[in-house]
Amino acid sequence: MHQHLIRPRSFLAIVAALTLLAGCSTVNVGNQFELKAFTSKVQRGTTTQAQVRGWLGAPTGTGEVIDVNGERYEEWSYYFASGRLPNMPDLEIRILQVKFDKHGIVRGYNWSGGNR
């Protein structure tokens, strides 16, 4: 069995980071995006990956989706979360997932989020 020990310098870095985070009033994760701006431009079956990247920037994450018929799609994920520490009563989370066919054309998208 291996034991992992935290070295003093690493421990001090972790404590410093946690102290800084606790002192922050607002935390933002990901990049802000507007769904209405995206939906006003996107056209299923026509819009390309290059256009989506131009509107939203690089995706936060990428993956693959296989639908019930076995068809494969590339999926780009964008997310944004914002709230105030320490208990984040005004937490806002937005997630947009865009699905592309093998030619890089939008086949669909999912969106969820808003204020909690």
PDB file of N, CA and C in Angstrom:
ATOM      1  N   MET A   1       0.841  -1.168   0.000  1.00  0.00           N
ATOM      2  CA  MET A   1       0.000   0.000   0.000  1.00  0.00           C
ATOM      3  C   MET A   1       0.890   1.237   0.000  1.00  0.00           C
ATOM      4  N   HIS A   2       0.592   2.172  -0.864  1.00  0.00           N
ATOM      5  CA  HIS A   2       1.366   3.412  -0.948  1.00  0.00           C
ATOM      6  C   HIS A   2       0.635   4.511  -0.211  1.00  0.00           C
ATOM      7  N   GLN A   3       1.389   5.301   0.502  1.00  0.00           N
ATOM      8  CA  GLN A   3       0.817   6.467   1.160  1.00  0.00           C
ATOM      9  C   GLN A   3       1.293   7.700   0.422  1.00  0.00           C
ATOM     10  N   HIS A   4       0.390   8.630   0.223  1.00  0.00           N
ATOM     11  CA  HIS A   4       0.744   9.873  -0.443  1.00  0.00           C
ATOM     12  C   HIS A   4       0.779  10.973   0.614  1.00  0.00           C
ATOM     13  N   LEU A   5       1.920  11.590   0.738  1.00  0.00           N
ATOM     14  CA  LEU A   5       2.075  12.666   1.704  1.00  0.00           C
ATOM     15  C   LEU A   5       2.100  14.000   0.985  1.00  0.00           C
ATOM     16  N   ILE A   6       1.501  14.979   1.595  1.00  0.00           N
ATOM     17  CA  ILE A   6       1.536  16.333   1.044  1.00  0.00           C
ATOM     18  C   ILE A   6       2.793  17.002   1.558  1.00  0.00           C
ATOM     19  N   ARG A   7       3.595  17.471   0.658  1.00  0.00           N
ATOM     20  CA  ARG A   7       4.822  18.152   1.040  1.00  0.00           C
ATOM     21  C   ARG A   7       4.492  19.514   1.615  1.00  0.00           C
ATOM     22  N   PRO A   8       5.320  20.039   2.519  1.00  0.00           N
ATOM     23  CA  PRO A   8       5.040  21.330   3.157  1.00  0.00           C
ATOM     24  C   PRO A   8       4.780  22.454   2.163  1.00  0.00           C
ATOM     25  N   ARG A   9       5.555  22.529   1.082  1.00  0.00           N
ATOM     26  CA  ARG A   9       5.341  23.595   0.097  1.00  0.00           C
ATOM     27  C   ARG A   9       3.994  23.433  -0.586  1.00  0.00           C
ATOM     28  N   SER A  10       3.637  22.207  -0.941  1.00  0.00           N
ATOM     29  CA  SER A  10       2.339  21.950  -1.581  1.00  0.00           C
ATOM     30  C   SER A  10       1.205  22.308  -0.634  1.00  0.00           C
ATOM     31  N   PHE A  11       1.358  21.932   0.629  1.00  0.00           N
ATOM     32  CA  PHE A  11       0.329  22.232   1.612  1.00  0.00           C
ATOM     33  C   PHE A  11       0.147  23.737   1.758  1.00  0.00           C
ATOM     34  N   LEU A  12       1.251  24.475   1.813  1.00  0.00           N
ATOM     35  CA  LEU A  12       1.171  25.934   1.927  1.00  0.00           C
ATOM     36  C   LEU A  12       0.497  26.549   0.700  1.00  0.00           C
ATOM     37  N   ALA A  13       0.777  26.016  -0.485  1.00  0.00           N
ATOM     38  CA  ALA A  13       0.144  26.517  -1.715  1.00  0.00           C
ATOM     39  C   ALA A  13      -1.357  26.269  -1.676  1.00  0.00           C
ATOM     40  N   ILE A  14      -1.770  25.091  -1.205  1.00  0.00           N
ATOM     41  CA  ILE A  14      -3.195  24.776  -1.101  1.00  0.00           C
ATOM     42  C   ILE A  14      -3.876  25.706  -0.108  1.00  0.00           C
ATOM     43  N   VAL A  15      -3.274  25.912   1.049  1.00  0.00           N
ATOM     44  CA  VAL A  15      -3.850  26.808   2.065  1.00  0.00           C
ATOM     45  C   VAL A  15      -3.950  28.229   1.527  1.00  0.00           C
ATOM     46  N   ALA A  16      -2.924  28.697   0.813  1.00  0.00           N
ATOM     47  CA  ALA A  16      -2.953  30.049   0.246  1.00  0.00           C
ATOM     48  C   ALA A  16      -4.070  30.189  -0.779  1.00  0.00           C
ATOM     49  N   ALA A  17      -4.241  29.181  -1.633  1.00  0.00           N
ATOM     50  CA  ALA A  17      -5.296  29.229  -2.651  1.00  0.00           C
ATOM     51  C   ALA A  17      -6.676  29.241  -2.002  1.00  0.00           C
ATOM     52  N   LEU A  18      -6.882  28.404  -0.994  1.00  0.00           N
ATOM     53  CA  LEU A  18      -8.176  28.378  -0.305  1.00  0.00           C
ATOM     54  C   LEU A  18      -8.455  29.698   0.409  1.00  0.00           C
ATOM     55  N   THR A  19      -7.433  30.294   0.986  1.00  0.00           N
ATOM     56  CA  THR A  19      -7.598  31.584   1.656  1.00  0.00           C
ATOM     57  C   THR A  19      -7.992  32.661   0.655  1.00  0.00           C
ATOM     58  N   LEU A  20      -7.339  32.659  -0.509  1.00  0.00           N
ATOM     59  CA  LEU A  20      -7.686  33.633  -1.539  1.00  0.00           C
ATOM     60  C   LEU A  20      -9.119  33.434  -2.024  1.00  0.00           C
ATOM     61  N   LEU A  21      -9.512  32.188  -2.245  1.00  0.00           N
ATOM     62  CA  LEU A  21     -10.876  31.920  -2.698  1.00  0.00           C
ATOM     63  C   LEU A  21     -11.906  32.348  -1.667  1.00  0.00           C
ATOM     64  N   ALA A  22     -11.617  32.111  -0.401  1.00  0.00           N
ATOM     65  CA  ALA A  22     -12.566  32.483   0.645  1.00  0.00           C
ATOM     66  C   ALA A  22     -12.740  33.995   0.716  1.00  0.00           C
ATOM     67  N   GLY A  23     -11.724  34.744   0.324  1.00  0.00           N
ATOM     68  CA  GLY A  23     -11.800  36.190   0.361  1.00  0.00           C
ATOM     69  C   GLY A  23     -12.480  36.797  -0.852  1.00  0.00           C
ATOM     70  N   CYS A  24     -12.710  36.017  -1.898  1.00  0.00           N
ATOM     71  CA  CYS A  24     -13.343  36.522  -3.111  1.00  0.00           C
ATOM     72  C   CYS A  24     -14.829  36.709  -2.876  1.00  0.00           C
ATOM     73  N   SER A  25     -15.383  37.717  -3.499  1.00  0.00           N
ATOM     74  CA  SER A  25     -16.818  37.915  -3.362  1.00  0.00           C
ATOM     75  C   SER A  25     -17.595  37.179  -4.441  1.00  0.00           C
ATOM     76  N   THR A  26     -17.056  37.082  -5.643  1.00  0.00           N
ATOM     77  CA  THR A  26     -17.751  36.403  -6.733  1.00  0.00           C
ATOM     78  C   THR A  26     -16.798  35.455  -7.440  1.00  0.00           C
ATOM     79  N   VAL A  27     -17.313  34.277  -7.761  1.00  0.00           N
ATOM     80  CA  VAL A  27     -16.529  33.277  -8.486  1.00  0.00           C
ATOM     81  C   VAL A  27     -17.211  33.027  -9.823  1.00  0.00           C
ATOM     82  N   ASN A  28     -16.442  33.056 -10.918  1.00  0.00           N
ATOM     83  CA  ASN A  28     -16.936  32.747 -12.254  1.00  0.00           C
ATOM     84  C   ASN A  28     -16.140  31.571 -12.809  1.00  0.00           C
ATOM     85  N   VAL A  29     -16.844  30.622 -13.428  1.00  0.00           N
ATOM     86  CA  VAL A  29     -16.200  29.467 -14.045  1.00  0.00           C
ATOM     87  C   VAL A  29     -16.709  29.365 -15.477  1.00  0.00           C
ATOM     88  N   GLY A  30     -15.813  29.182 -16.428  1.00  0.00           N
ATOM     89  CA  GLY A  30     -16.199  29.100 -17.831  1.00  0.00           C
ATOM     90  C   GLY A  30     -16.351  30.484 -18.432  1.00  0.00           C
ATOM     91  N   ASN A  31     -16.933  30.540 -19.620  1.00  0.00           N
ATOM     92  CA  ASN A  31     -17.123  31.804 -20.328  1.00  0.00           C
ATOM     93  C   ASN A  31     -18.605  32.118 -20.476  1.00  0.00           C
ATOM     94  N   GLN A  32     -18.964  33.350 -20.217  1.00  0.00           N
ATOM     95  CA  GLN A  32     -20.349  33.813 -20.356  1.00  0.00           C
ATOM     96  C   GLN A  32     -20.781  33.707 -21.817  1.00  0.00           C
ATOM     97  N   PHE A  33     -21.984  33.252 -22.067  1.00  0.00           N
ATOM     98  CA  PHE A  33     -22.519  33.217 -23.425  1.00  0.00           C
ATOM     99  C   PHE A  33     -24.016  33.505 -23.358  1.00  0.00           C
ATOM    100  N   GLU A  34     -24.540  34.013 -24.450  1.00  0.00           N
ATOM    101  CA  GLU A  34     -25.961  34.345 -24.534  1.00  0.00           C
ATOM    102  C   GLU A  34     -26.665  33.341 -25.433  1.00  0.00           C
ATOM    103  N   LEU A  35     -27.605  32.622 -24.886  1.00  0.00           N
ATOM    104  CA  LEU A  35     -28.333  31.626 -25.656  1.00  0.00           C
ATOM    105  C   LEU A  35     -29.138  32.268 -26.777  1.00  0.00           C
ATOM    106  N   LYS A  36     -29.790  33.400 -26.496  1.00  0.00           N
ATOM    107  CA  LYS A  36     -30.616  34.055 -27.522  1.00  0.00           C
ATOM    108  C   LYS A  36     -29.782  34.443 -28.745  1.00  0.00           C
ATOM    109  N   ALA A  37     -28.574  34.936 -28.519  1.00  0.00           N
ATOM    110  CA  ALA A  37     -27.696  35.295 -29.645  1.00  0.00           C
ATOM    111  C   ALA A  37     -27.336  34.052 -30.450  1.00  0.00           C
ATOM    112  N   PHE A  38     -27.069  32.944 -29.748  1.00  0.00           N
ATOM    113  CA  PHE A  38     -26.731  31.697 -30.438  1.00  0.00           C
ATOM    114  C   PHE A  38     -27.928  31.179 -31.237  1.00  0.00           C
ATOM    115  N   THR A  39     -29.102  31.097 -30.599  1.00  0.00           N
ATOM    116  CA  THR A  39     -30.272  30.519 -31.276  1.00  0.00           C
ATOM    117  C   THR A  39     -30.769  31.391 -32.426  1.00  0.00           C
ATOM    118  N   SER A  40     -30.481  32.691 -32.383  1.00  0.00           N
ATOM    119  CA  SER A  40     -30.905  33.552 -33.490  1.00  0.00           C
ATOM    120  C   SER A  40     -30.048  33.336 -34.741  1.00  0.00           C
ATOM    121  N   LYS A  41     -28.849  32.757 -34.576  1.00  0.00           N
ATOM    122  CA  LYS A  41     -27.940  32.556 -35.699  1.00  0.00           C
ATOM    123  C   LYS A  41     -27.874  31.107 -36.170  1.00  0.00           C
ATOM    124  N   VAL A  42     -27.952  30.145 -35.251  1.00  0.00           N
ATOM    125  CA  VAL A  42     -27.722  28.748 -35.593  1.00  0.00           C
ATOM    126  C   VAL A  42     -28.846  28.191 -36.461  1.00  0.00           C
ATOM    127  N   GLN A  43     -28.470  27.397 -37.449  1.00  0.00           N
ATOM    128  CA  GLN A  43     -29.443  26.736 -38.319  1.00  0.00           C
ATOM    129  C   GLN A  43     -29.049  25.261 -38.415  1.00  0.00           C
ATOM    130  N   ARG A  44     -29.908  24.410 -37.887  1.00  0.00           N
ATOM    131  CA  ARG A  44     -29.671  22.975 -37.924  1.00  0.00           C
ATOM    132  C   ARG A  44     -29.539  22.519 -39.375  1.00  0.00           C
ATOM    133  N   GLY A  45     -28.466  21.775 -39.662  1.00  0.00           N
ATOM    134  CA  GLY A  45     -28.235  21.271 -41.007  1.00  0.00           C
ATOM    135  C   GLY A  45     -27.448  22.214 -41.895  1.00  0.00           C
ATOM    136  N   THR A  46     -27.138  23.419 -41.417  1.00  0.00           N
ATOM    137  CA  THR A  46     -26.425  24.410 -42.227  1.00  0.00           C
ATOM    138  C   THR A  46     -25.206  24.996 -41.510  1.00  0.00           C
ATOM    139  N   THR A  47     -25.365  25.349 -40.238  1.00  0.00           N
ATOM    140  CA  THR A  47     -24.304  26.016 -39.479  1.00  0.00           C
ATOM    141  C   THR A  47     -23.109  25.081 -39.287  1.00  0.00           C
ATOM    142  N   THR A  48     -21.905  25.628 -39.445  1.00  0.00           N
ATOM    143  CA  THR A  48     -20.667  24.845 -39.338  1.00  0.00           C
ATOM    144  C   THR A  48     -19.990  25.024 -37.981  1.00  0.00           C
ATOM    145  N   GLN A  49     -19.043  24.134 -37.712  1.00  0.00           N
ATOM    146  CA  GLN A  49     -18.239  24.251 -36.488  1.00  0.00           C
ATOM    147  C   GLN A  49     -17.483  25.575 -36.459  1.00  0.00           C
ATOM    148  N   ALA A  50     -16.968  26.001 -37.607  1.00  0.00           N
ATOM    149  CA  ALA A  50     -16.224  27.270 -37.667  1.00  0.00           C
ATOM    150  C   ALA A  50     -17.117  28.443 -37.268  1.00  0.00           C
ATOM    151  N   GLN A  51     -18.378  28.423 -37.698  1.00  0.00           N
ATOM    152  CA  GLN A  51     -19.294  29.503 -37.328  1.00  0.00           C
ATOM    153  C   GLN A  51     -19.567  29.494 -35.829  1.00  0.00           C
ATOM    154  N   VAL A  52     -19.812  28.315 -35.265  1.00  0.00           N
ATOM    155  CA  VAL A  52     -20.067  28.208 -33.821  1.00  0.00           C
ATOM    156  C   VAL A  52     -18.854  28.691 -33.043  1.00  0.00           C
ATOM    157  N   ARG A  53     -17.665  28.284 -33.472  1.00  0.00           N
ATOM    158  CA  ARG A  53     -16.438  28.727 -32.799  1.00  0.00           C
ATOM    159  C   ARG A  53     -16.294  30.246 -32.901  1.00  0.00           C
ATOM    160  N   GLY A  54     -16.654  30.819 -34.028  1.00  0.00           N
ATOM    161  CA  GLY A  54     -16.597  32.271 -34.194  1.00  0.00           C
ATOM    162  C   GLY A  54     -17.557  33.002 -33.267  1.00  0.00           C
ATOM    163  N   TRP A  55     -18.721  32.440 -33.028  1.00  0.00           N
ATOM    164  CA  TRP A  55     -19.713  33.077 -32.158  1.00  0.00           C
ATOM    165  C   TRP A  55     -19.419  32.877 -30.676  1.00  0.00           C
ATOM    166  N   LEU A  56     -18.971  31.651 -30.314  1.00  0.00           N
ATOM    167  CA  LEU A  56     -18.836  31.297 -28.894  1.00  0.00           C
ATOM    168  C   LEU A  56     -17.402  31.103 -28.422  1.00  0.00           C
ATOM    169  N   GLY A  57     -16.466  31.047 -29.363  1.00  0.00           N
ATOM    170  CA  GLY A  57     -15.088  30.758 -28.987  1.00  0.00           C
ATOM    171  C   GLY A  57     -14.864  29.256 -28.914  1.00  0.00           C
ATOM    172  N   ALA A  58     -13.708  28.870 -28.412  1.00  0.00           N
ATOM    173  CA  ALA A  58     -13.375  27.450 -28.280  1.00  0.00           C
ATOM    174  C   ALA A  58     -14.289  26.808 -27.244  1.00  0.00           C
ATOM    175  N   PRO A  59     -14.703  25.572 -27.478  1.00  0.00           N
ATOM    176  CA  PRO A  59     -15.556  24.901 -26.501  1.00  0.00           C
ATOM    177  C   PRO A  59     -14.802  24.609 -25.209  1.00  0.00           C
ATOM    178  N   THR A  60     -15.537  24.545 -24.106  1.00  0.00           N
ATOM    179  CA  THR A  60     -14.948  24.195 -22.826  1.00  0.00           C
ATOM    180  C   THR A  60     -14.545  22.724 -22.809  1.00  0.00           C
ATOM    181  N   GLY A  61     -15.336  21.900 -23.486  1.00  0.00           N
ATOM    182  CA  GLY A  61     -15.038  20.475 -23.571  1.00  0.00           C
ATOM    183  C   GLY A  61     -15.583  19.899 -24.863  1.00  0.00           C
ATOM    184  N   THR A  62     -15.044  18.765 -25.265  1.00  0.00           N
ATOM    185  CA  THR A  62     -15.532  18.076 -26.456  1.00  0.00           C
ATOM    186  C   THR A  62     -15.732  16.610 -26.123  1.00  0.00           C
ATOM    187  N   GLY A  63     -16.599  15.959 -26.882  1.00  0.00           N
ATOM    188  CA  GLY A  63     -16.852  14.548 -26.662  1.00  0.00           C
ATOM    189  C   GLY A  63     -17.558  13.942 -27.847  1.00  0.00           C
ATOM    190  N   GLU A  64     -18.050  12.728 -27.646  1.00  0.00           N
ATOM    191  CA  GLU A  64     -18.754  12.024 -28.700  1.00  0.00           C
ATOM    192  C   GLU A  64     -20.090  11.534 -28.163  1.00  0.00           C
ATOM    193  N   VAL A  65     -21.111  11.599 -29.020  1.00  0.00           N
ATOM    194  CA  VAL A  65     -22.440  11.122 -28.679  1.00  0.00           C
ATOM    195  C   VAL A  65     -22.821  10.061 -29.697  1.00  0.00           C
ATOM    196  N   ILE A  66     -23.391   8.975 -29.221  1.00  0.00           N
ATOM    197  CA  ILE A  66     -23.914   7.942 -30.112  1.00  0.00           C
ATOM    198  C   ILE A  66     -25.411   7.865 -29.843  1.00  0.00           C
ATOM    199  N   ASP A  67     -26.218   8.147 -30.874  1.00  0.00           N
ATOM    200  CA  ASP A  67     -27.672   8.159 -30.672  1.00  0.00           C
ATOM    201  C   ASP A  67     -28.240   6.734 -30.683  1.00  0.00           C
ATOM    202  N   VAL A  68     -29.540   6.618 -30.480  1.00  0.00           N
ATOM    203  CA  VAL A  68     -30.178   5.304 -30.385  1.00  0.00           C
ATOM    204  C   VAL A  68     -30.064   4.501 -31.672  1.00  0.00           C
ATOM    205  N   ASN A  69     -29.839   5.144 -32.803  1.00  0.00           N
ATOM    206  CA  ASN A  69     -29.667   4.455 -34.091  1.00  0.00           C
ATOM    207  C   ASN A  69     -28.214   4.083 -34.370  1.00  0.00           C
ATOM    208  N   GLY A  70     -27.320   4.427 -33.450  1.00  0.00           N
ATOM    209  CA  GLY A  70     -25.906   4.117 -33.619  1.00  0.00           C
ATOM    210  C   GLY A  70     -25.120   5.184 -34.346  1.00  0.00           C
ATOM    211  N   GLU A  71     -25.768   6.280 -34.722  1.00  0.00           N
ATOM    212  CA  GLU A  71     -25.059   7.361 -35.416  1.00  0.00           C
ATOM    213  C   GLU A  71     -24.193   8.137 -34.421  1.00  0.00           C
ATOM    214  N   ARG A  72     -22.974   8.460 -34.857  1.00  0.00           N
ATOM    215  CA  ARG A  72     -22.018   9.172 -34.004  1.00  0.00           C
ATOM    216  C   ARG A  72     -22.004  10.658 -34.333  1.00  0.00           C
ATOM    217  N   TYR A  73     -21.883  11.450 -33.270  1.00  0.00           N
ATOM    218  CA  TYR A  73     -21.805  12.898 -33.399  1.00  0.00           C
ATOM    219  C   TYR A  73     -20.696  13.420 -32.506  1.00  0.00           C
ATOM    220  N   GLU A  74     -20.049  14.478 -32.941  1.00  0.00           N
ATOM    221  CA  GLU A  74     -19.109  15.196 -32.081  1.00  0.00           C
ATOM    222  C   GLU A  74     -19.923  16.209 -31.283  1.00  0.00           C
ATOM    223  N   GLU A  75     -19.613  16.328 -30.008  1.00  0.00           N
ATOM    224  CA  GLU A  75     -20.363  17.267 -29.176  1.00  0.00           C
ATOM    225  C   GLU A  75     -19.412  18.250 -28.511  1.00  0.00           C
ATOM    226  N   TRP A  76     -19.741  19.533 -28.654  1.00  0.00           N
ATOM    227  CA  TRP A  76     -18.990  20.596 -27.987  1.00  0.00           C
ATOM    228  C   TRP A  76     -19.819  21.090 -26.814  1.00  0.00           C
ATOM    229  N   SER A  77     -19.156  21.314 -25.689  1.00  0.00           N
ATOM    230  CA  SER A  77     -19.829  21.812 -24.492  1.00  0.00           C
ATOM    231  C   SER A  77     -19.292  23.183 -24.116  1.00  0.00           C
ATOM    232  N   TYR A  78     -20.215  24.047 -23.763  1.00  0.00           N
ATOM    233  CA  TYR A  78     -19.895  25.376 -23.237  1.00  0.00           C
ATOM    234  C   TYR A  78     -20.610  25.488 -21.899  1.00  0.00           C
ATOM    235  N   TYR A  79     -19.927  26.036 -20.901  1.00  0.00           N
ATOM    236  CA  TYR A  79     -20.610  26.239 -19.638  1.00  0.00           C
ATOM    237  C   TYR A  79     -20.140  27.526 -18.968  1.00  0.00           C
ATOM    238  N   PHE A  80     -21.009  28.018 -18.120  1.00  0.00           N
ATOM    239  CA  PHE A  80     -20.706  29.204 -17.333  1.00  0.00           C
ATOM    240  C   PHE A  80     -21.397  29.050 -15.984  1.00  0.00           C
ATOM    241  N   ALA A  81     -20.672  29.323 -14.911  1.00  0.00           N
ATOM    242  CA  ALA A  81     -21.243  29.319 -13.565  1.00  0.00           C
ATOM    243  C   ALA A  81     -20.735  30.557 -12.842  1.00  0.00           C
ATOM    244  N   SER A  82     -21.610  31.160 -12.075  1.00  0.00           N
ATOM    245  CA  SER A  82     -21.252  32.370 -11.343  1.00  0.00           C
ATOM    246  C   SER A  82     -22.016  32.393 -10.026  1.00  0.00           C
ATOM    247  N   GLY A  83     -21.356  32.851  -8.985  1.00  0.00           N
ATOM    248  CA  GLY A  83     -22.007  32.980  -7.689  1.00  0.00           C
ATOM    249  C   GLY A  83     -21.086  33.647  -6.694  1.00  0.00           C
ATOM    250  N   ARG A  84     -21.665  34.044  -5.572  1.00  0.00           N
ATOM    251  CA  ARG A  84     -20.889  34.691  -4.513  1.00  0.00           C
ATOM    252  C   ARG A  84     -20.586  33.706  -3.400  1.00  0.00           C
ATOM    253  N   LEU A  85     -19.345  33.745  -2.934  1.00  0.00           N
ATOM    254  CA  LEU A  85     -18.944  32.915  -1.809  1.00  0.00           C
ATOM    255  C   LEU A  85     -19.447  33.535  -0.516  1.00  0.00           C
ATOM    256  N   PRO A  86     -19.628  32.860   0.564  1.00  0.00           N
ATOM    257  CA  PRO A  86     -19.252  31.474   0.751  1.00  0.00           C
ATOM    258  C   PRO A  86     -20.366  30.477   0.406  1.00  0.00           C
ATOM    259  N   ASN A  87     -21.624  30.829   0.478  1.00  0.00           N
ATOM    260  CA  ASN A  87     -22.658  29.813   0.257  1.00  0.00           C
ATOM    261  C   ASN A  87     -23.354  29.934  -1.094  1.00  0.00           C
ATOM    262  N   MET A  88     -22.994  30.874  -1.915  1.00  0.00           N
ATOM    263  CA  MET A  88     -23.471  31.050  -3.286  1.00  0.00           C
ATOM    264  C   MET A  88     -25.003  31.041  -3.409  1.00  0.00           C
ATOM    265  N   PRO A  89     -25.693  31.916  -2.704  1.00  0.00           N
ATOM    266  CA  PRO A  89     -27.160  31.928  -2.784  1.00  0.00           C
ATOM    267  C   PRO A  89     -27.682  32.363  -4.157  1.00  0.00           C
ATOM    268  N   ASP A  90     -26.873  33.055  -4.913  1.00  0.00           N
ATOM    269  CA  ASP A  90     -27.292  33.555  -6.225  1.00  0.00           C
ATOM    270  C   ASP A  90     -26.638  32.770  -7.363  1.00  0.00           C
ATOM    271  N   LEU A  91     -26.373  31.491  -7.143  1.00  0.00           N
ATOM    272  CA  LEU A  91     -25.685  30.663  -8.114  1.00  0.00           C
ATOM    273  C   LEU A  91     -26.430  30.624  -9.443  1.00  0.00           C
ATOM    274  N   GLU A  92     -25.694  30.863 -10.524  1.00  0.00           N
ATOM    275  CA  GLU A  92     -26.224  30.777 -11.888  1.00  0.00           C
ATOM    276  C   GLU A  92     -25.374  29.787 -12.659  1.00  0.00           C
ATOM    277  N   ILE A  93     -26.011  28.832 -13.316  1.00  0.00           N
ATOM    278  CA  ILE A  93     -25.303  27.837 -14.112  1.00  0.00           C
ATOM    279  C   ILE A  93     -25.957  27.761 -15.482  1.00  0.00           C
ATOM    280  N   ARG A  94     -25.140  27.811 -16.536  1.00  0.00           N
ATOM    281  CA  ARG A  94     -25.615  27.663 -17.918  1.00  0.00           C
ATOM    282  C   ARG A  94     -24.766  26.617 -18.611  1.00  0.00           C
ATOM    283  N   ILE A  95     -25.411  25.719 -19.336  1.00  0.00           N
ATOM    284  CA  ILE A  95     -24.704  24.685 -20.083  1.00  0.00           C
ATOM    285  C   ILE A  95     -25.302  24.619 -21.485  1.00  0.00           C
ATOM    286  N   LEU A  96     -24.445  24.659 -22.492  1.00  0.00           N
ATOM    287  CA  LEU A  96     -24.860  24.517 -23.883  1.00  0.00           C
ATOM    288  C   LEU A  96     -24.036  23.399 -24.507  1.00  0.00           C
ATOM    289  N   GLN A  97     -24.719  22.424 -25.113  1.00  0.00           N
ATOM    290  CA  GLN A  97     -24.054  21.330 -25.797  1.00  0.00           C
ATOM    291  C   GLN A  97     -24.517  21.339 -27.249  1.00  0.00           C
ATOM    292  N   VAL A  98     -23.548  21.415 -28.170  1.00  0.00           N
ATOM    293  CA  VAL A  98     -23.846  21.493 -29.596  1.00  0.00           C
ATOM    294  C   VAL A  98     -23.355  20.208 -30.257  1.00  0.00           C
ATOM    295  N   LYS A  99     -24.230  19.574 -31.019  1.00  0.00           N
ATOM    296  CA  LYS A  99     -23.944  18.290 -31.659  1.00  0.00           C
ATOM    297  C   LYS A  99     -23.693  18.501 -33.150  1.00  0.00           C
ATOM    298  N   PHE A 100     -22.551  17.938 -33.654  1.00  0.00           N
ATOM    299  CA  PHE A 100     -22.146  18.070 -35.056  1.00  0.00           C
ATOM    300  C   PHE A 100     -22.061  16.694 -35.717  1.00  0.00           C
ATOM    301  N   ASP A 101     -22.424  16.635 -36.997  1.00  0.00           N
ATOM    302  CA  ASP A 101     -22.258  15.387 -37.744  1.00  0.00           C
ATOM    303  C   ASP A 101     -20.809  15.234 -38.192  1.00  0.00           C
ATOM    304  N   LYS A 102     -20.511  14.164 -38.935  1.00  0.00           N
ATOM    305  CA  LYS A 102     -19.132  13.891 -39.351  1.00  0.00           C
ATOM    306  C   LYS A 102     -18.574  14.925 -40.319  1.00  0.00           C
ATOM    307  N   HIS A 103     -19.425  15.786 -40.875  1.00  0.00           N
ATOM    308  CA  HIS A 103     -18.987  16.848 -41.774  1.00  0.00           C
ATOM    309  C   HIS A 103     -18.824  18.195 -41.056  1.00  0.00           C
ATOM    310  N   GLY A 104     -19.039  18.195 -39.723  1.00  0.00           N
ATOM    311  CA  GLY A 104     -18.896  19.424 -38.945  1.00  0.00           C
ATOM    312  C   GLY A 104     -20.089  20.355 -39.050  1.00  0.00           C
ATOM    313  N   ILE A 105     -21.272  19.807 -39.326  1.00  0.00           N
ATOM    314  CA  ILE A 105     -22.498  20.595 -39.463  1.00  0.00           C
ATOM    315  C   ILE A 105     -23.370  20.376 -38.216  1.00  0.00           C
ATOM    316  N   VAL A 106     -23.970  21.444 -37.704  1.00  0.00           N
ATOM    317  CA  VAL A 106     -24.824  21.351 -36.517  1.00  0.00           C
ATOM    318  C   VAL A 106     -26.030  20.464 -36.810  1.00  0.00           C
ATOM    319  N   ARG A 107     -26.246  19.478 -35.946  1.00  0.00           N
ATOM    320  CA  ARG A 107     -27.410  18.592 -36.046  1.00  0.00           C
ATOM    321  C   ARG A 107     -28.397  18.834 -34.911  1.00  0.00           C
ATOM    322  N   GLY A 108     -27.950  19.489 -33.855  1.00  0.00           N
ATOM    323  CA  GLY A 108     -28.831  19.797 -32.739  1.00  0.00           C
ATOM    324  C   GLY A 108     -28.047  20.413 -31.606  1.00  0.00           C
ATOM    325  N   TYR A 109     -28.776  20.863 -30.594  1.00  0.00           N
ATOM    326  CA  TYR A 109     -28.127  21.397 -29.402  1.00  0.00           C
ATOM    327  C   TYR A 109     -29.055  21.245 -28.208  1.00  0.00           C
ATOM    328  N   ASN A 110     -28.458  21.228 -27.022  1.00  0.00           N
ATOM    329  CA  ASN A 110     -29.182  21.173 -25.749  1.00  0.00           C
ATOM    330  C   ASN A 110     -28.723  22.341 -24.914  1.00  0.00           C
ATOM    331  N   TRP A 111     -29.640  22.908 -24.187  1.00  0.00           N
ATOM    332  CA  TRP A 111     -29.292  24.006 -23.292  1.00  0.00           C
ATOM    333  C   TRP A 111     -30.026  23.797 -21.982  1.00  0.00           C
ATOM    334  N   SER A 112     -29.359  24.127 -20.899  1.00  0.00           N
ATOM    335  CA  SER A 112     -30.002  24.119 -19.587  1.00  0.00           C
ATOM    336  C   SER A 112     -29.338  25.183 -18.734  1.00  0.00           C
ATOM    337  N   GLY A 113     -30.060  25.625 -17.749  1.00  0.00           N
ATOM    338  CA  GLY A 113     -29.483  26.582 -16.813  1.00  0.00           C
ATOM    339  C   GLY A 113     -30.402  27.720 -16.492  1.00  0.00           C
ATOM    340  N   GLY A 114     -29.802  28.731 -15.919  1.00  0.00           N
ATOM    341  CA  GLY A 114     -30.525  29.889 -15.434  1.00  0.00           C
ATOM    342  C   GLY A 114     -30.230  30.084 -13.963  1.00  0.00           C
ATOM    343  N   ASN A 115     -30.953  30.936 -13.327  1.00  0.00           N
ATOM    344  CA  ASN A 115     -30.757  31.179 -11.898  1.00  0.00           C
ATOM    345  C   ASN A 115     -31.409  30.094 -11.082  1.00  0.00           C
ATOM    346  N   ARG A 116     -30.764  29.713 -10.012  1.00  0.00           N
ATOM    347  CA  ARG A 116     -31.341  28.753  -9.068  1.00  0.00           C
ATOM    348  C   ARG A 116     -32.020  29.498  -7.957  1.00  0.00           C
TER     349      ARG A 116
END
